[in-house]
Structures are given as C-alpha cells and as structure tokens.
Amino acid sequence: MKIEVYEGKTKTNDMKLSKVWDDVTDKVLHQVVVARLANDRQGNASTKTKSEVRGGGRKPFKQKGLGRARAGSTRSPLWRGGGVIFGPKPRDFSQSVNKKQKAKAYLYVFSKMNEIGRLSVIGSFKVESHKTKDFLKALSGITENVNERVVVVVPDYDKNMVLGAQNLTNVTCLSVDNLDILPLVYAARIFVVEAAMKKLDEKFSNILNVEK
C-alpha cells in the first residue's frame, strides 16, 4: 500500500507501507469499540432490596377485615420507600480485547480514512510551546478547517502537544504507544506524522506476524 506524504499542505513524496495493510477487515472494529466504551463504565449504580431497606419489620396492619390487600412489610417493593426488584448492583463492565484484534481494528480505521481521503501523512508537526495558540498555529499549517474534529498521531509522547490540545474539544493528540480507537473512529480528519506512520507500520507488522 502506498500513501501520500505532505509537508504542510504540499505533497512531497509517496510512502510505501508493508503487506500488513493489504488485507484489512472491519469484522473486529465493532467489538473493539464496544469494549472501549464498556471500559469507561463505572458500574457503581446500586439499589437496595427489600431486606436491605431500613425499617418495615412490623406488619403495617392486620391481615383480614380491612378490605385491603394483605401486607407484611412497609418495605415491600410494591410500597413507596420499599426495596427495588432486580435493581442494579455494582458490577464490572470491563471487556478485554487481545493485541491482534486491536491491531486489525486500527488498521481498518487508518485504511478506510485513507481510502476516503481523510487521512494525511505529514512530514513533521512541531509545536513551539504548550500554549493553545501555538498548537492552533501549527494545526492551521496542515489543515484549512481547524474547527473540524481532528486527531494528530505523533511518534512519541510530546507534553507541549498534549497541553496545547487539551483546551480544544475538537482536537485529540495521540502517540503511537498510546492509541485510542474512539477519537480515531469519530474523527473527521486524521493527521499522522511520517515517523509515527513508520512506527505504526512496524508495530502492526510485528503484532500480526506479517513480513514487510
């Protein structure tokens, strides 16, 4: 697979990627996204059953003679202030996905975005400081619309980029070792630094045992 490399908004050359990009599938993407969303769930919702609600030990009224339905406790689920039937209890919603499945999901997202013209490989992306205005200045050098939902993938963690992008709700900055499927799936455009693309190519090839 070949992909175009840009410096700013000008094309400079083509980058050839390994065979791992030739056979991509969307079969595991849904599973990886669902697992990612499930891992965000706190799972701390909790209700009390009839036996856990305080009070209600005494029979509220006699069994017969009142014309009412019999009742043995004011904490019955049928009563206001009573327990909850089949209510939620704290639980762990987390799901695990193996490395190969994650790699295939990332490969599909990057390949599909490239296919529809929404992935760009850029020669470099440097931010002078941790200030948001400096990040916006660098971002405006690679895209005309700085307000669309953008993901920038860099080879290594860069504190200036992370701090510069954190005030921008439409921008996410990721490193090769800290990818996240959700921002990539929701992104309108993805920009990958050339060095990061090489690392991704090598990383996915090693995980899926594909020769370059």
Protein backbone atom coordinates (compact mmCIF):
# COMPACT_ATOMS: atom_id res chain seq x y z
CA MET A 1 0.00 0.00 0.00
CA LYS A 2 1.24 3.47 -0.90
CA ILE A 3 0.30 6.64 0.90
CA GLU A 4 1.00 10.27 0.06
CA VAL A 5 3.24 12.34 2.33
CA TYR A 6 2.69 16.08 2.74
CA GLU A 7 4.80 18.88 4.13
CA GLY A 8 2.27 21.40 5.30
CA LYS A 9 -0.36 21.33 2.53
CA THR A 10 2.07 20.38 -0.25
CA LYS A 11 2.65 16.80 -1.38
CA THR A 12 6.32 15.80 -1.21
CA ASN A 13 6.51 12.06 -1.91
CA ASP A 14 4.82 8.65 -1.61
CA MET A 15 5.41 6.33 1.33
CA LYS A 16 5.32 2.57 0.77
CA LEU A 17 3.88 0.50 3.59
CA SER A 18 4.23 -3.21 4.39
CA LYS A 19 1.90 -6.05 3.36
CA VAL A 20 0.03 -5.83 6.66
CA TRP A 21 -2.08 -3.02 5.14
CA ASP A 22 -3.15 -5.11 2.13
CA ASP A 23 -5.64 -7.34 3.95
CA VAL A 24 -7.76 -5.27 6.34
CA THR A 25 -11.18 -6.16 7.73
CA ASP A 26 -13.90 -4.40 9.69
CA LYS A 27 -15.02 -7.57 11.49
CA VAL A 28 -13.36 -6.74 14.81
CA LEU A 29 -13.89 -2.97 14.76
CA HIS A 30 -17.31 -3.17 16.42
CA GLN A 31 -16.00 -5.48 19.14
CA VAL A 32 -13.04 -3.21 19.90
CA VAL A 33 -15.22 -0.08 20.04
CA VAL A 34 -17.81 -1.78 22.29
CA ALA A 35 -15.05 -2.98 24.62
CA ARG A 36 -13.56 0.52 24.75
CA LEU A 37 -16.95 2.05 25.64
CA ALA A 38 -17.63 -0.69 28.20
CA ASN A 39 -14.31 0.02 29.92
CA ASP A 40 -15.44 3.61 30.50
CA ARG A 41 -18.47 2.48 32.51
CA GLN A 42 -18.12 2.95 36.27
CA GLY A 43 -20.58 0.23 37.19
CA ASN A 44 -21.30 1.74 40.62
CA ALA A 45 -25.11 2.07 40.37
CA SER A 46 -26.65 0.41 43.40
CA THR A 47 -30.16 -0.07 44.79
CA LYS A 48 -31.44 -1.75 47.96
CA THR A 49 -33.58 -4.85 48.05
CA LYS A 50 -36.48 -5.34 50.48
CA SER A 51 -34.15 -6.93 53.03
CA GLU A 52 -31.63 -4.07 52.82
CA VAL A 53 -34.02 -1.13 53.27
CA ARG A 54 -34.17 0.21 56.84
CA GLY A 55 -37.40 -0.44 58.76
CA GLY A 56 -40.51 -2.38 57.80
CA GLY A 57 -40.13 -5.10 60.39
CA ARG A 58 -43.63 -4.74 61.83
CA LYS A 59 -46.73 -5.82 59.94
CA PRO A 60 -48.39 -2.49 58.96
CA PHE A 61 -51.97 -3.63 59.58
CA LYS A 62 -53.89 -6.76 60.41
CA GLN A 63 -54.24 -9.49 57.85
CA LYS A 64 -58.02 -9.51 57.46
CA GLY A 65 -61.05 -7.31 57.79
CA LEU A 66 -59.90 -4.03 56.17
CA GLY A 67 -60.75 -4.82 52.55
CA ARG A 68 -57.18 -4.09 51.52
CA ALA A 69 -54.57 -6.33 50.00
CA ARG A 70 -52.61 -8.07 52.73
CA ALA A 71 -49.18 -6.61 53.55
CA GLY A 72 -46.39 -7.90 55.74
CA SER A 73 -43.92 -5.01 55.48
CA THR A 74 -43.85 -1.32 54.58
CA ARG A 75 -40.61 -2.01 52.72
CA SER A 76 -42.23 -4.27 50.13
CA PRO A 77 -41.25 -3.36 46.53
CA LEU A 78 -44.93 -2.53 45.97
CA TRP A 79 -44.80 0.26 48.54
CA ARG A 80 -43.35 3.74 48.26
CA GLY A 81 -39.98 3.72 50.03
CA GLY A 82 -39.72 -0.02 49.64
CA GLY A 83 -36.99 -2.11 48.10
CA VAL A 84 -36.27 -2.44 44.39
CA ILE A 85 -36.89 -5.62 42.41
CA PHE A 86 -33.98 -6.65 40.18
CA GLY A 87 -32.34 -3.25 40.60
CA PRO A 88 -28.70 -2.59 39.62
CA LYS A 89 -25.81 -3.62 41.84
CA PRO A 90 -22.14 -2.61 41.50
CA ARG A 91 -20.53 -4.68 38.76
CA ASP A 92 -17.51 -4.73 36.47
CA PHE A 93 -18.40 -3.98 32.84
CA SER A 94 -14.82 -4.12 31.53
CA GLN A 95 -14.02 -6.24 28.49
CA SER A 96 -10.63 -7.40 27.25
CA VAL A 97 -9.53 -7.45 23.62
CA ASN A 98 -6.29 -9.06 22.51
CA LYS A 99 -3.50 -7.24 20.68
CA LYS A 100 -4.21 -8.76 17.27
CA GLN A 101 -7.85 -7.71 17.34
CA LYS A 102 -6.89 -4.17 18.33
CA ALA A 103 -4.25 -4.02 15.60
CA LYS A 104 -6.78 -5.14 12.96
CA ALA A 105 -9.27 -2.52 14.15
CA TYR A 106 -6.66 0.27 13.94
CA LEU A 107 -5.54 -0.95 10.52
CA TYR A 108 -9.10 -0.82 9.22
CA VAL A 109 -9.73 2.71 10.55
CA PHE A 110 -6.48 4.10 9.11
CA SER A 111 -7.01 2.30 5.76
CA LYS A 112 -10.64 3.41 5.44
CA MET A 113 -9.82 7.03 6.28
CA ASN A 114 -7.05 6.94 3.68
CA GLU A 115 -9.45 5.44 1.13
CA ILE A 116 -11.97 8.27 1.56
CA GLY A 117 -9.25 10.92 1.56
CA ARG A 118 -9.44 11.84 5.23
CA LEU A 119 -6.05 10.57 6.37
CA SER A 120 -2.90 12.58 5.70
CA VAL A 121 0.70 11.67 6.45
CA ILE A 122 2.70 14.80 7.23
CA GLY A 123 6.47 15.16 7.23
CA SER A 124 6.59 16.90 10.60
CA PHE A 125 4.40 18.57 13.21
CA LYS A 126 6.10 20.76 15.78
CA VAL A 127 4.61 22.97 18.47
CA GLU A 128 6.77 25.74 19.91
CA SER A 129 5.25 25.73 23.40
CA HIS A 130 2.43 24.29 25.48
CA LYS A 131 0.14 27.21 24.64
CA THR A 132 -3.09 26.57 22.76
CA LYS A 133 -2.45 29.41 20.31
CA ASP A 134 0.87 27.82 19.29
CA PHE A 135 -0.85 24.48 18.74
CA LEU A 136 -3.53 26.17 16.62
CA LYS A 137 -0.81 27.91 14.62
CA ALA A 138 0.84 24.56 13.86
CA LEU A 139 -2.54 22.96 13.10
CA SER A 140 -3.52 25.71 10.67
CA GLY A 141 -0.36 24.88 8.73
CA ILE A 142 -1.69 21.43 7.82
CA THR A 143 -5.46 21.98 7.56
CA GLU A 144 -7.73 24.75 6.34
CA ASN A 145 -10.51 23.91 8.81
CA VAL A 146 -9.22 23.96 12.38
CA ASN A 147 -12.75 23.56 13.75
CA GLU A 148 -13.42 20.05 12.43
CA ARG A 149 -12.80 17.01 14.61
CA VAL A 150 -9.11 16.21 14.19
CA VAL A 151 -6.72 13.56 15.50
CA VAL A 152 -2.95 14.08 15.31
CA VAL A 153 -0.79 10.97 15.73
CA VAL A 154 2.84 11.61 16.73
CA PRO A 155 5.68 9.08 17.15
CA ASP A 156 6.30 9.76 20.85
CA TYR A 157 4.59 11.48 23.76
CA ASP A 158 5.00 15.26 23.50
CA LYS A 159 3.97 17.27 26.56
CA ASN A 160 3.64 20.53 24.60
CA MET A 161 1.23 18.94 22.14
CA VAL A 162 -0.90 17.31 24.83
CA LEU A 163 -1.15 20.53 26.86
CA GLY A 164 -1.68 22.65 23.76
CA ALA A 165 -4.53 20.43 22.52
CA GLN A 166 -6.33 19.80 25.82
CA ASN A 167 -8.34 23.05 25.63
CA LEU A 168 -9.51 22.22 22.10
CA THR A 169 -12.55 19.96 22.34
CA ASN A 170 -12.33 19.01 18.66
CA VAL A 171 -8.63 18.00 18.69
CA THR A 172 -7.02 14.85 20.11
CA CYS A 173 -3.28 14.25 20.18
CA LEU A 174 -2.19 10.60 20.35
CA SER A 175 1.19 8.86 20.36
CA VAL A 176 1.94 5.51 18.71
CA ASP A 177 2.22 3.80 22.10
CA ASN A 178 -0.99 5.38 23.40
CA LEU A 179 -3.56 4.95 20.63
CA ASP A 180 -7.28 5.21 21.34
CA ILE A 181 -9.87 3.79 18.94
CA LEU A 182 -12.70 6.20 19.84
CA PRO A 183 -11.12 9.51 18.72
CA LEU A 184 -9.96 7.80 15.51
CA VAL A 185 -13.45 6.46 14.74
CA TYR A 186 -15.14 9.80 15.46
CA ALA A 187 -12.53 11.94 13.67
CA ALA A 188 -13.31 13.94 10.54
CA ARG A 189 -9.61 14.00 9.65
CA ILE A 190 -6.54 12.11 10.87
CA PHE A 191 -3.02 13.50 10.54
CA VAL A 192 -0.15 11.07 11.10
CA VAL A 193 3.46 12.27 11.31
CA GLU A 194 5.67 10.33 8.87
CA ALA A 195 7.87 8.96 11.67
CA ALA A 196 4.73 7.82 13.51
CA MET A 197 3.45 6.06 10.38
CA LYS A 198 6.69 4.11 10.12
CA LYS A 199 6.39 3.08 13.78
CA LEU A 200 2.75 2.06 13.27
CA ASP A 201 3.71 0.02 10.21
CA GLU A 202 6.42 -1.79 12.16
CA LYS A 203 4.22 -2.23 15.24
CA PHE A 204 1.28 -3.77 13.37
CA SER A 205 3.57 -5.99 11.29
CA ASN A 206 5.16 -7.40 14.44
CA ILE A 207 1.84 -7.96 16.21
CA LEU A 208 0.24 -9.74 13.23
CA ASN A 209 3.46 -11.55 12.24
CA VAL A 210 3.44 -10.18 8.70
CA GLU A 211 6.67 -9.79 6.75
CA LYS A 212 7.45 -6.31 5.48
